[in-house]
């Protein structure tokens, strides 16, 4: 889990409308409503936005009923809809929705080395996340009922290019 964590919690129905929703690099964002409430994610604007300039972040959207009709992205990170412990009645991915952990098309600087031995991002050693079947990454749909409608997209395709900087001594 990243060092940046944001939690938004409420008891009533909640509707989020945005061109796309995504965490910043390495951050964890969680939105929760009550067990009897509905969390709706919708799309604002036309077309599909470009990949966000962000990697290794996670989103968790938890409610009694989750309706995903927008663009949720966490490139090389994790998106979780519903609650694993059974508090979620239903998760529905609506037509035209995008639920993605792909980084396809993204070219982003990420980290550097000054000694040629250690690779750092934000002053800390870079850790390979998502390796060895880590359940925090990827797309997770959790509920008593899961409904993925025609033309809803779940994108697990990977891709993208992370670049870095290095210091080489000499002339």
C-alpha atoms as a PDB file:
ATOM      1  CA  UNK A   1       0.000   0.000   0.000  1.00  0.00           C
ATOM      2  CA  UNK A   2       1.289   3.449  -0.913  1.00  0.00           C
ATOM      3  CA  UNK A   3       2.025   6.122   1.638  1.00  0.00           C
ATOM      4  CA  UNK A   4      -0.756   8.370   0.301  1.00  0.00           C
ATOM      5  CA  UNK A   5      -4.196   7.194   1.423  1.00  0.00           C
ATOM      6  CA  UNK A   6      -7.510   8.972   1.032  1.00  0.00           C
ATOM      7  CA  UNK A   7     -10.820   7.757   2.439  1.00  0.00           C
ATOM      8  CA  UNK A   8     -14.246   9.238   1.679  1.00  0.00           C
ATOM      9  CA  UNK A   9     -17.036   7.624   3.697  1.00  0.00           C
ATOM     10  CA  UNK A  10     -20.761   8.331   3.869  1.00  0.00           C
ATOM     11  CA  UNK A  11     -24.071   6.597   4.617  1.00  0.00           C
ATOM     12  CA  UNK A  12     -26.200   7.847   1.716  1.00  0.00           C
ATOM     13  CA  UNK A  13     -26.286   7.192  -2.028  1.00  0.00           C
ATOM     14  CA  UNK A  14     -23.361   8.814  -3.849  1.00  0.00           C
ATOM     15  CA  UNK A  15     -22.874   9.657  -7.519  1.00  0.00           C
ATOM     16  CA  UNK A  16     -19.438  10.485  -8.953  1.00  0.00           C
ATOM     17  CA  UNK A  17     -19.309  12.140 -12.383  1.00  0.00           C
ATOM     18  CA  UNK A  18     -15.926  12.769 -14.019  1.00  0.00           C
ATOM     19  CA  UNK A  19     -14.091  12.405 -17.322  1.00  0.00           C
ATOM     20  CA  UNK A  20     -12.105   9.686 -15.512  1.00  0.00           C
ATOM     21  CA  UNK A  21     -11.294   8.709 -11.948  1.00  0.00           C
ATOM     22  CA  UNK A  22      -7.795   7.516 -11.023  1.00  0.00           C
ATOM     23  CA  UNK A  23      -5.352   7.536  -8.091  1.00  0.00           C
ATOM     24  CA  UNK A  24      -2.093   9.465  -8.230  1.00  0.00           C
ATOM     25  CA  UNK A  25       1.171   7.507  -8.426  1.00  0.00           C
ATOM     26  CA  UNK A  26       1.455   5.050  -5.535  1.00  0.00           C
ATOM     27  CA  UNK A  27      -1.660   6.373  -3.772  1.00  0.00           C
ATOM     28  CA  UNK A  28      -4.617   4.444  -2.381  1.00  0.00           C
ATOM     29  CA  UNK A  29      -8.082   5.985  -2.673  1.00  0.00           C
ATOM     30  CA  UNK A  30     -11.153   4.440  -1.074  1.00  0.00           C
ATOM     31  CA  UNK A  31     -14.769   5.579  -1.369  1.00  0.00           C
ATOM     32  CA  UNK A  32     -17.351   3.912   0.873  1.00  0.00           C
ATOM     33  CA  UNK A  33     -21.098   4.265   1.329  1.00  0.00           C
ATOM     34  CA  UNK A  34     -23.414   2.398   3.682  1.00  0.00           C
ATOM     35  CA  UNK A  35     -24.526  -1.189   3.126  1.00  0.00           C
ATOM     36  CA  UNK A  36     -27.973  -0.001   1.951  1.00  0.00           C
ATOM     37  CA  UNK A  37     -26.628   2.782  -0.270  1.00  0.00           C
ATOM     38  CA  UNK A  38     -25.755   2.913  -3.971  1.00  0.00           C
ATOM     39  CA  UNK A  39     -22.479   4.228  -5.388  1.00  0.00           C
ATOM     40  CA  UNK A  40     -22.844   5.320  -9.030  1.00  0.00           C
ATOM     41  CA  UNK A  41     -19.859   6.203 -11.203  1.00  0.00           C
ATOM     42  CA  UNK A  42     -20.711   8.135 -14.361  1.00  0.00           C
ATOM     43  CA  UNK A  43     -18.895   9.766 -17.241  1.00  0.00           C
ATOM     44  CA  UNK A  44     -18.748  13.536 -17.761  1.00  0.00           C
ATOM     45  CA  UNK A  45     -17.834  14.901 -21.176  1.00  0.00           C
ATOM     46  CA  UNK A  46     -17.459  13.253 -24.551  1.00  0.00           C
ATOM     47  CA  UNK A  47     -14.916  10.708 -25.736  1.00  0.00           C
ATOM     48  CA  UNK A  48     -12.363   8.736 -23.766  1.00  0.00           C
ATOM     49  CA  UNK A  49      -9.605  10.720 -22.031  1.00  0.00           C
ATOM     50  CA  UNK A  50      -5.916   9.920 -22.477  1.00  0.00           C
ATOM     51  CA  UNK A  51      -4.163   7.667 -19.978  1.00  0.00           C
ATOM     52  CA  UNK A  52      -3.559   9.453 -16.673  1.00  0.00           C
ATOM     53  CA  UNK A  53       0.056  10.306 -15.850  1.00  0.00           C
ATOM     54  CA  UNK A  54       0.035   7.915 -12.886  1.00  0.00           C
ATOM     55  CA  UNK A  55       1.168   4.355 -12.024  1.00  0.00           C
ATOM     56  CA  UNK A  56       0.942   1.819  -9.173  1.00  0.00           C
ATOM     57  CA  UNK A  57      -2.056   3.488  -7.506  1.00  0.00           C
ATOM     58  CA  UNK A  58      -5.169   1.720  -6.190  1.00  0.00           C
ATOM     59  CA  UNK A  59      -8.878   2.513  -6.025  1.00  0.00           C
ATOM     60  CA  UNK A  60     -11.447   0.764  -3.827  1.00  0.00           C
ATOM     61  CA  UNK A  61     -15.129   1.626  -4.305  1.00  0.00           C
ATOM     62  CA  UNK A  62     -17.360   0.004  -1.704  1.00  0.00           C
ATOM     63  CA  UNK A  63     -21.146   0.181  -1.314  1.00  0.00           C
ATOM     64  CA  UNK A  64     -24.196  -2.007  -0.912  1.00  0.00           C
ATOM     65  CA  UNK A  65     -24.731  -1.554  -4.654  1.00  0.00           C
ATOM     66  CA  UNK A  66     -22.023  -0.366  -7.095  1.00  0.00           C
ATOM     67  CA  UNK A  67     -22.987   0.839 -10.600  1.00  0.00           C
ATOM     68  CA  UNK A  68     -19.899   1.563 -12.737  1.00  0.00           C
ATOM     69  CA  UNK A  69     -20.735   3.550 -15.871  1.00  0.00           C
ATOM     70  CA  UNK A  70     -17.656   5.777 -16.043  1.00  0.00           C
ATOM     71  CA  UNK A  71     -13.918   5.525 -16.632  1.00  0.00           C
ATOM     72  CA  UNK A  72     -11.951   4.057 -13.697  1.00  0.00           C
ATOM     73  CA  UNK A  73      -8.223   3.689 -14.270  1.00  0.00           C
ATOM     74  CA  UNK A  74      -5.247   2.658 -12.153  1.00  0.00           C
ATOM     75  CA  UNK A  75      -2.382   2.013 -14.617  1.00  0.00           C
ATOM     76  CA  UNK A  76      -0.254  -0.913 -13.355  1.00  0.00           C
ATOM     77  CA  UNK A  77      -2.233  -0.706 -10.109  1.00  0.00           C
ATOM     78  CA  UNK A  78      -5.531  -1.975  -8.735  1.00  0.00           C
ATOM     79  CA  UNK A  79      -9.263  -1.299  -9.009  1.00  0.00           C
ATOM     80  CA  UNK A  80     -11.598  -3.029  -6.553  1.00  0.00           C
ATOM     81  CA  UNK A  81     -15.382  -2.684  -6.788  1.00  0.00           C
ATOM     82  CA  UNK A  82     -17.476  -3.981  -3.903  1.00  0.00           C
ATOM     83  CA  UNK A  83     -16.454  -5.480  -0.590  1.00  0.00           C
ATOM     84  CA  UNK A  84     -14.755  -8.854  -0.281  1.00  0.00           C
ATOM     85  CA  UNK A  85     -16.360  -9.626   3.087  1.00  0.00           C
ATOM     86  CA  UNK A  86     -19.875  -9.842   1.643  1.00  0.00           C
ATOM     87  CA  UNK A  87     -21.330  -6.425   2.452  1.00  0.00           C
ATOM     88  CA  UNK A  88     -21.921  -5.687  -1.242  1.00  0.00           C
ATOM     89  CA  UNK A  89     -25.161  -6.920  -2.787  1.00  0.00           C
ATOM     90  CA  UNK A  90     -24.356  -6.156  -6.436  1.00  0.00           C
ATOM     91  CA  UNK A  91     -21.708  -4.791  -8.769  1.00  0.00           C
ATOM     92  CA  UNK A  92     -22.819  -3.761 -12.256  1.00  0.00           C
ATOM     93  CA  UNK A  93     -20.501  -2.663 -15.077  1.00  0.00           C
ATOM     94  CA  UNK A  94     -22.684  -0.638 -17.447  1.00  0.00           C
ATOM     95  CA  UNK A  95     -22.334  -0.416 -21.259  1.00  0.00           C
ATOM     96  CA  UNK A  96     -19.516   1.953 -22.270  1.00  0.00           C
ATOM     97  CA  UNK A  97     -17.806   1.804 -18.887  1.00  0.00           C
ATOM     98  CA  UNK A  98     -14.036   1.327 -18.699  1.00  0.00           C
ATOM     99  CA  UNK A  99     -12.467  -0.398 -15.685  1.00  0.00           C
ATOM    100  CA  UNK A 100      -8.746  -0.560 -16.395  1.00  0.00           C
ATOM    101  CA  UNK A 101      -5.330  -1.284 -14.916  1.00  0.00           C
ATOM    102  CA  UNK A 102      -3.678  -1.103 -18.337  1.00  0.00           C
ATOM    103  CA  UNK A 103      -0.909   1.408 -19.014  1.00  0.00           C
ATOM    104  CA  UNK A 104      -1.067   0.972 -22.803  1.00  0.00           C
ATOM    105  CA  UNK A 105       0.140   4.133 -24.538  1.00  0.00           C
ATOM    106  CA  UNK A 106       1.565   5.669 -21.357  1.00  0.00           C
ATOM    107  CA  UNK A 107       5.194   6.879 -21.435  1.00  0.00           C
ATOM    108  CA  UNK A 108       6.173   8.254 -18.041  1.00  0.00           C
ATOM    109  CA  UNK A 109       9.377   9.024 -16.146  1.00  0.00           C
ATOM    110  CA  UNK A 110       9.550   6.954 -12.987  1.00  0.00           C
ATOM    111  CA  UNK A 111      12.602   7.061 -10.762  1.00  0.00           C
ATOM    112  CA  UNK A 112      16.349   7.362 -11.182  1.00  0.00           C
ATOM    113  CA  UNK A 113      19.712   6.070 -10.053  1.00  0.00           C
ATOM    114  CA  UNK A 114      22.704   8.155  -9.067  1.00  0.00           C
ATOM    115  CA  UNK A 115      25.023   5.305  -8.088  1.00  0.00           C
ATOM    116  CA  UNK A 116      24.117   2.674 -10.695  1.00  0.00           C
ATOM    117  CA  UNK A 117      23.193   0.250  -7.889  1.00  0.00           C
ATOM    118  CA  UNK A 118      19.929   1.446  -6.380  1.00  0.00           C
ATOM    119  CA  UNK A 119      16.897   2.703  -8.282  1.00  0.00           C
ATOM    120  CA  UNK A 120      14.830   5.287  -6.391  1.00  0.00           C
ATOM    121  CA  UNK A 121      11.470   7.003  -6.749  1.00  0.00           C
ATOM    122  CA  UNK A 122      10.637   9.802  -4.316  1.00  0.00           C
ATOM    123  CA  UNK A 123      13.779   9.021  -2.348  1.00  0.00           C
ATOM    124  CA  UNK A 124      12.776   5.390  -1.675  1.00  0.00           C
ATOM    125  CA  UNK A 125      13.827   2.138  -3.333  1.00  0.00           C
ATOM    126  CA  UNK A 126      11.471   1.131  -6.144  1.00  0.00           C
ATOM    127  CA  UNK A 127       9.487  -1.995  -5.300  1.00  0.00           C
ATOM    128  CA  UNK A 128       8.022  -4.176  -8.009  1.00  0.00           C
ATOM    129  CA  UNK A 129       4.309  -4.265  -7.241  1.00  0.00           C
ATOM    130  CA  UNK A 130       1.746  -6.671  -8.547  1.00  0.00           C
ATOM    131  CA  UNK A 131       4.293  -9.471  -8.768  1.00  0.00           C
ATOM    132  CA  UNK A 132       3.632 -12.978  -7.430  1.00  0.00           C
ATOM    133  CA  UNK A 133      -0.161 -12.721  -7.700  1.00  0.00           C
ATOM    134  CA  UNK A 134      -0.550  -9.836  -5.254  1.00  0.00           C
ATOM    135  CA  UNK A 135      -4.330  -9.498  -4.803  1.00  0.00           C
ATOM    136  CA  UNK A 136      -4.098  -5.728  -4.249  1.00  0.00           C
ATOM    137  CA  UNK A 137      -3.413  -5.192  -7.945  1.00  0.00           C
ATOM    138  CA  UNK A 138      -5.516  -5.922 -11.024  1.00  0.00           C
ATOM    139  CA  UNK A 139      -9.308  -5.646 -11.191  1.00  0.00           C
ATOM    140  CA  UNK A 140     -11.437  -7.186  -8.459  1.00  0.00           C
ATOM    141  CA  UNK A 141     -15.250  -7.392  -8.577  1.00  0.00           C
ATOM    142  CA  UNK A 142     -16.759  -8.394  -5.229  1.00  0.00           C
ATOM    143  CA  UNK A 143     -20.444  -8.884  -4.480  1.00  0.00           C
ATOM    144  CA  UNK A 144     -23.269 -11.377  -4.169  1.00  0.00           C
ATOM    145  CA  UNK A 145     -24.266 -10.493  -7.745  1.00  0.00           C
ATOM    146  CA  UNK A 146     -21.841  -9.423 -10.510  1.00  0.00           C
ATOM    147  CA  UNK A 147     -23.314  -8.138 -13.798  1.00  0.00           C
ATOM    148  CA  UNK A 148     -20.929  -7.167 -16.609  1.00  0.00           C
ATOM    149  CA  UNK A 149     -23.108  -5.760 -19.391  1.00  0.00           C
ATOM    150  CA  UNK A 150     -22.358  -5.922 -23.095  1.00  0.00           C
ATOM    151  CA  UNK A 151     -19.873  -3.211 -24.178  1.00  0.00           C
ATOM    152  CA  UNK A 152     -18.469  -2.770 -20.661  1.00  0.00           C
ATOM    153  CA  UNK A 153     -14.660  -2.974 -20.825  1.00  0.00           C
ATOM    154  CA  UNK A 154     -12.374  -4.565 -18.236  1.00  0.00           C
ATOM    155  CA  UNK A 155      -8.827  -3.862 -19.444  1.00  0.00           C
ATOM    156  CA  UNK A 156      -6.003  -5.926 -17.935  1.00  0.00           C
ATOM    157  CA  UNK A 157      -3.694  -5.571 -20.949  1.00  0.00           C
ATOM    158  CA  UNK A 158      -0.621  -4.088 -19.221  1.00  0.00           C
ATOM    159  CA  UNK A 159       1.689  -2.142 -21.523  1.00  0.00           C
ATOM    160  CA  UNK A 160       3.139   1.308 -21.090  1.00  0.00           C
ATOM    161  CA  UNK A 161       6.730   2.469 -20.737  1.00  0.00           C
ATOM    162  CA  UNK A 162       8.292   3.674 -17.525  1.00  0.00           C
ATOM    163  CA  UNK A 163      11.528   5.543 -18.070  1.00  0.00           C
ATOM    164  CA  UNK A 164      14.190   6.637 -15.626  1.00  0.00           C
ATOM    165  CA  UNK A 165      17.287   8.742 -15.297  1.00  0.00           C
ATOM    166  CA  UNK A 166      20.793   7.687 -14.386  1.00  0.00           C
ATOM    167  CA  UNK A 167      24.055   9.458 -13.665  1.00  0.00           C
ATOM    168  CA  UNK A 168      27.101   8.230 -15.544  1.00  0.00           C
ATOM    169  CA  UNK A 169      30.410   9.711 -14.408  1.00  0.00           C
ATOM    170  CA  UNK A 170      32.913  10.823 -16.960  1.00  0.00           C
ATOM    171  CA  UNK A 171      33.464  13.674 -19.356  1.00  0.00           C
END
